[in-house]
Protein backbone atom coordinates (compact mmCIF):
# COMPACT_ATOMS: atom_id res chain seq x y z
CA MET A 1 0.00 0.00 0.00
CA GLU A 2 2.79 2.45 0.91
CA TYR A 3 4.53 1.79 -2.41
CA TYR A 4 1.29 2.55 -4.25
CA LEU A 5 0.97 5.87 -2.39
CA LEU A 6 4.54 6.84 -3.25
CA PHE A 7 3.99 5.90 -6.91
CA TYR A 8 0.70 7.85 -6.98
CA MET A 9 2.31 10.93 -5.40
CA LYS A 10 5.26 10.79 -7.83
CA LYS A 11 2.85 10.70 -10.77
CA THR A 12 0.91 13.61 -9.28
CA VAL A 13 4.07 15.67 -8.69
CA ASP A 14 5.36 14.87 -12.19
CA LYS A 15 2.04 16.07 -13.65
CA LEU A 16 2.21 19.29 -11.62
CA PHE A 17 5.71 20.01 -12.93
CA GLN A 18 4.48 19.47 -16.50
CA GLU A 19 1.63 21.92 -15.92
CA ILE A 20 4.00 24.46 -14.37
CA ALA A 21 6.40 24.19 -17.33
CA ALA A 22 3.55 24.58 -19.83
CA GLN A 23 1.99 27.72 -18.37
CA GLU A 24 3.86 30.92 -17.50
CA GLY A 25 2.72 32.41 -14.20
CA TYR A 26 1.29 29.10 -13.00
CA SER A 27 0.88 29.12 -9.23
CA LEU A 28 -0.25 26.71 -6.59
CA ALA A 29 -1.73 27.42 -3.18
CA VAL A 30 -0.35 25.16 -0.48
CA ASP A 31 -2.46 24.90 2.67
CA LEU A 32 -0.23 23.11 5.16
CA PRO A 33 -2.74 22.97 8.05
CA SER A 34 -5.31 21.20 5.86
CA GLN A 35 -2.60 19.38 3.86
CA THR A 36 -3.93 20.37 0.46
CA ILE A 37 -2.60 21.94 -2.71
CA THR A 38 -5.01 23.98 -4.82
CA LYS A 39 -4.36 24.33 -8.53
CA PRO A 40 -5.39 27.42 -10.55
CA ASP A 41 -8.50 25.61 -11.82
CA GLY A 42 -9.64 25.01 -8.21
CA THR A 43 -8.73 21.32 -8.17
CA THR A 44 -7.32 20.28 -4.80
CA ILE A 45 -4.77 17.60 -4.10
CA ALA A 46 -4.36 16.13 -0.62
CA PHE A 47 -0.91 15.23 0.66
CA GLU A 48 0.52 13.50 3.70
CA ILE A 49 3.12 14.92 6.06
CA GLU A 50 4.34 13.68 9.43
CA ASP A 51 2.79 15.60 12.33
CA SER A 52 6.22 16.47 13.75
CA ARG A 53 7.43 17.87 10.41
CA LYS A 54 4.19 19.80 9.98
CA ASN A 55 4.62 21.31 13.46
CA VAL A 56 8.19 22.39 12.63
CA LEU A 57 7.10 24.10 9.41
CA LEU A 58 3.99 25.77 10.83
CA ASN A 59 5.84 27.14 13.84
CA GLY A 60 9.12 28.05 12.13
CA LEU A 61 11.12 25.83 14.45
CA ASP A 62 14.77 24.90 14.10
CA ASP A 63 16.85 22.39 16.09
CA ILE A 64 17.53 24.88 18.88
CA SER A 65 13.93 25.98 19.29
CA LEU A 66 12.81 22.34 19.26
CA THR A 67 15.28 21.62 22.07
CA LEU A 68 14.15 24.68 24.03
CA GLN A 69 10.60 23.33 24.04
CA ASN A 70 12.00 20.88 26.62
CA GLU A 71 13.78 23.57 28.65
CA ALA A 72 11.91 22.76 31.88
CA ASP A 73 12.85 19.07 31.61
CA ILE A 74 16.48 19.98 30.85
CA THR A 75 16.62 22.31 33.86
CA ARG A 76 15.15 19.59 36.12
CA PHE A 77 17.67 17.06 34.79
CA GLU A 78 20.59 19.40 35.42
CA ALA A 79 19.40 20.14 38.98
CA ASP A 80 18.92 16.41 39.66
CA TRP A 81 22.37 15.68 38.21
CA GLN A 82 23.97 18.18 40.57
CA THR A 83 22.12 16.65 43.54
CA ARG A 84 23.13 13.08 42.69
CA HIS A 85 26.67 13.94 41.60
CA PRO A 86 27.95 16.70 43.89
CA GLY A 87 31.20 18.17 42.68
CA CYS A 88 30.59 17.07 39.09
CA SER A 89 29.65 19.69 36.58
CA ALA A 90 27.01 19.03 33.94
CA ARG A 91 28.73 21.67 31.86
CA PRO A 92 32.33 21.54 30.68
CA VAL A 93 34.75 23.49 32.81
CA PRO A 94 36.98 25.76 30.74
CA LYS A 95 40.70 24.98 30.86
CA PRO A 96 42.84 27.67 32.46
CA MET A 97 44.89 29.69 30.02
CA ILE A 98 48.64 29.22 30.43
C-alpha cells in the first residue's frame, strides 16, 4: 500500500511540474494545516506529512527551538544531576589559560 501511495504521489508531482512548465505564471496554493494543494482551476490535491514535520514548518522551528521546548525538563535534569553527583559539573569546565 505504501509503495502505491509513493507511486501515486510521484505521478501527481510529475504532472504538476508538467503543468508548471507549460503555463507561465502558473501558481499553486499550499495549505499546510489542511494538507492540500489547490491548482489554478480550483482542483485540490491532498498530501501526507508527518505531524512532527508539519509542526516544525507551521511554527518556524529549528533544532535549537525544538530543544528549548523541553527547557523545563532539561533544567530539572541538570538540577537532579547536581544533587546526585555533587562536585561534578554538567557543563564543561573551561581549561585555564597558560
